[in-house]
Amino acid sequence: MSHDSNTNQNKSQDTVYHHDEAENRPRHSQHDDEVLSEANLSSYWRANIKVLATLLGAWAFVSFICGIVLGDWLDQFRLGGFPLGFWFTQQGAMLCFVVIIFIYHFWMQRIERTHGVDDDYENPAAQANKD
């Protein structure tokens, strides 16, 4: 009976996840052992919310204001032979959305690097500290 209880204890200890022993594990990053301070975390989220508010505002302007509200007024101008209001509703909004996605990606990369939470960026100062 004591043999079974020892086996159960060993099994429970074996089920603990250890990053270095796992199969198909992601590579370590320089941020694995770092913890963000409360002030840095707050600053990161403020910057994140600013990005989201700005880009959602641009999305709303392009899709609703230019495409729907100002569509008739914009039709007096032409782009590529088409009325501008029509162009925004049919093609311009989609192209702007793609541009917004790229802007979001690069803006968030910069914010993550600034706050030290970007796993893809190899910080030279962090590499020097490791050696």
Protein backbone atom coordinates (compact mmCIF):
# COMPACT_ATOMS: atom_id res chain seq x y z
CA MET A 1 0.00 0.00 0.00
CA SER A 2 2.86 2.37 0.69
CA HIS A 3 4.28 1.52 -2.72
CA ASP A 4 1.04 2.78 -4.39
CA SER A 5 1.10 6.03 -2.41
CA ASN A 6 4.76 6.62 -3.41
CA THR A 7 3.88 5.96 -7.05
CA ASN A 8 0.99 8.45 -6.86
CA GLN A 9 3.28 11.07 -5.32
CA ASN A 10 5.84 10.55 -8.06
CA LYS A 11 3.14 10.84 -10.73
CA SER A 12 1.86 14.10 -9.28
CA GLN A 13 5.39 15.47 -9.21
CA ASP A 14 5.94 14.34 -12.80
CA THR A 15 2.87 16.20 -14.04
CA VAL A 16 4.31 19.58 -13.11
CA TYR A 17 5.15 21.50 -16.26
CA HIS A 18 8.82 22.37 -16.64
CA HIS A 19 9.59 24.60 -19.60
CA ASP A 20 13.02 23.10 -20.25
CA GLU A 21 11.70 19.53 -20.32
CA ALA A 22 8.63 20.00 -22.52
CA GLU A 23 8.35 18.85 -26.10
CA ASN A 24 7.76 21.43 -28.83
CA ARG A 25 8.29 24.26 -26.41
CA PRO A 26 8.71 27.83 -27.60
CA ARG A 27 12.19 29.24 -27.38
CA HIS A 28 13.11 31.30 -24.36
CA SER A 29 12.93 35.02 -24.70
CA GLN A 30 14.84 37.70 -22.83
CA HIS A 31 11.59 38.58 -21.04
CA ASP A 32 10.83 35.19 -19.48
CA ASP A 33 12.20 36.17 -16.08
CA GLU A 34 11.11 39.80 -16.17
CA VAL A 35 8.05 41.19 -14.43
CA LEU A 36 6.57 44.53 -15.41
CA SER A 37 6.24 47.10 -12.67
CA GLU A 38 2.77 48.45 -11.95
CA ALA A 39 3.67 51.88 -13.36
CA ASN A 40 5.15 50.38 -16.53
CA LEU A 41 2.11 48.12 -16.95
CA SER A 42 -0.22 51.09 -16.56
CA SER A 43 1.78 53.09 -19.09
CA TYR A 44 1.72 50.15 -21.53
CA TRP A 45 -2.07 49.83 -21.34
CA ARG A 46 -2.58 53.60 -21.70
CA ALA A 47 -0.50 53.50 -24.89
CA ASN A 48 -2.42 50.41 -26.07
CA ILE A 49 -5.79 52.12 -25.50
CA LYS A 50 -4.52 55.22 -27.35
CA VAL A 51 -3.62 53.07 -30.37
CA LEU A 52 -7.00 51.33 -30.34
CA ALA A 53 -8.98 54.57 -29.93
CA THR A 54 -7.04 56.33 -32.69
CA LEU A 55 -7.30 53.50 -35.20
CA LEU A 56 -10.94 52.74 -34.39
CA GLY A 57 -11.64 56.45 -34.86
CA ALA A 58 -9.94 56.34 -38.27
CA TRP A 59 -11.92 53.20 -39.16
CA ALA A 60 -15.22 54.86 -38.12
CA PHE A 61 -14.37 58.02 -40.07
CA VAL A 62 -13.52 56.15 -43.26
CA SER A 63 -16.39 53.67 -43.16
CA PHE A 64 -19.24 55.71 -41.69
CA ILE A 65 -18.41 59.37 -42.32
CA CYS A 66 -16.74 59.13 -45.75
CA GLY A 67 -18.73 56.14 -46.97
CA ILE A 68 -22.22 56.90 -45.66
CA VAL A 69 -22.68 60.38 -44.17
CA LEU A 70 -20.56 62.36 -46.63
CA GLY A 71 -21.00 59.95 -49.55
CA ASP A 72 -23.33 62.18 -51.56
CA TRP A 73 -21.20 65.28 -50.98
CA LEU A 74 -17.98 63.39 -51.89
CA ASP A 75 -19.58 62.24 -55.17
CA GLN A 76 -18.89 65.70 -56.64
CA PHE A 77 -15.18 64.76 -56.70
CA ARG A 78 -13.77 62.01 -58.88
CA LEU A 79 -10.99 59.47 -58.30
CA GLY A 80 -10.00 57.21 -61.17
CA GLY A 81 -13.15 58.17 -63.08
CA PHE A 82 -15.49 57.21 -60.23
CA PRO A 83 -17.34 59.48 -57.80
CA LEU A 84 -15.30 59.72 -54.56
CA GLY A 85 -18.22 58.71 -52.29
CA PHE A 86 -18.79 55.59 -54.37
CA TRP A 87 -15.05 54.86 -54.36
CA PHE A 88 -14.92 55.04 -50.55
CA THR A 89 -17.83 52.66 -50.10
CA GLN A 90 -16.62 50.15 -52.68
CA GLN A 91 -12.82 50.19 -52.53
CA GLY A 92 -11.41 52.97 -50.41
CA ALA A 93 -12.72 51.68 -47.11
CA MET A 94 -11.19 48.24 -47.68
CA LEU A 95 -7.84 49.72 -48.66
CA CYS A 96 -7.91 51.97 -45.59
CA PHE A 97 -8.67 48.94 -43.39
CA VAL A 98 -5.60 47.14 -44.72
CA VAL A 99 -3.49 50.24 -44.07
CA ILE A 100 -4.93 50.44 -40.53
CA ILE A 101 -3.87 46.83 -39.90
CA PHE A 102 -0.28 47.60 -40.90
CA ILE A 103 -0.25 50.81 -38.86
CA TYR A 104 -1.53 48.83 -35.84
CA HIS A 105 1.17 46.19 -36.25
CA PHE A 106 4.08 48.63 -36.46
CA TRP A 107 2.70 50.97 -33.77
CA MET A 108 2.19 48.10 -31.31
CA GLN A 109 5.66 46.73 -32.07
CA ARG A 110 7.13 50.10 -31.10
CA ILE A 111 5.05 50.26 -27.91
CA GLU A 112 6.00 46.71 -26.93
CA ARG A 113 9.69 47.42 -27.46
CA THR A 114 9.44 50.63 -25.46
CA HIS A 115 7.81 48.82 -22.53
CA GLY A 116 9.97 45.70 -22.78
CA VAL A 117 7.26 43.16 -23.61
CA ASP A 118 8.19 42.31 -27.21
CA ASP A 119 9.50 38.74 -27.39
CA ASP A 120 10.57 39.09 -31.02
CA TYR A 121 12.91 42.01 -30.42
CA GLU A 122 16.38 41.13 -29.19
CA ASN A 123 17.34 44.02 -26.94
CA PRO A 124 21.14 44.56 -27.12
CA ALA A 125 21.22 45.72 -23.48
CA ALA A 126 19.45 42.56 -22.35
CA GLN A 127 21.87 40.43 -24.39
CA ALA A 128 24.84 42.18 -22.74
CA ASN A 129 23.38 41.49 -19.29
CA LYS A 130 22.98 37.78 -20.11
CA ASP A 131 26.67 37.37 -20.99
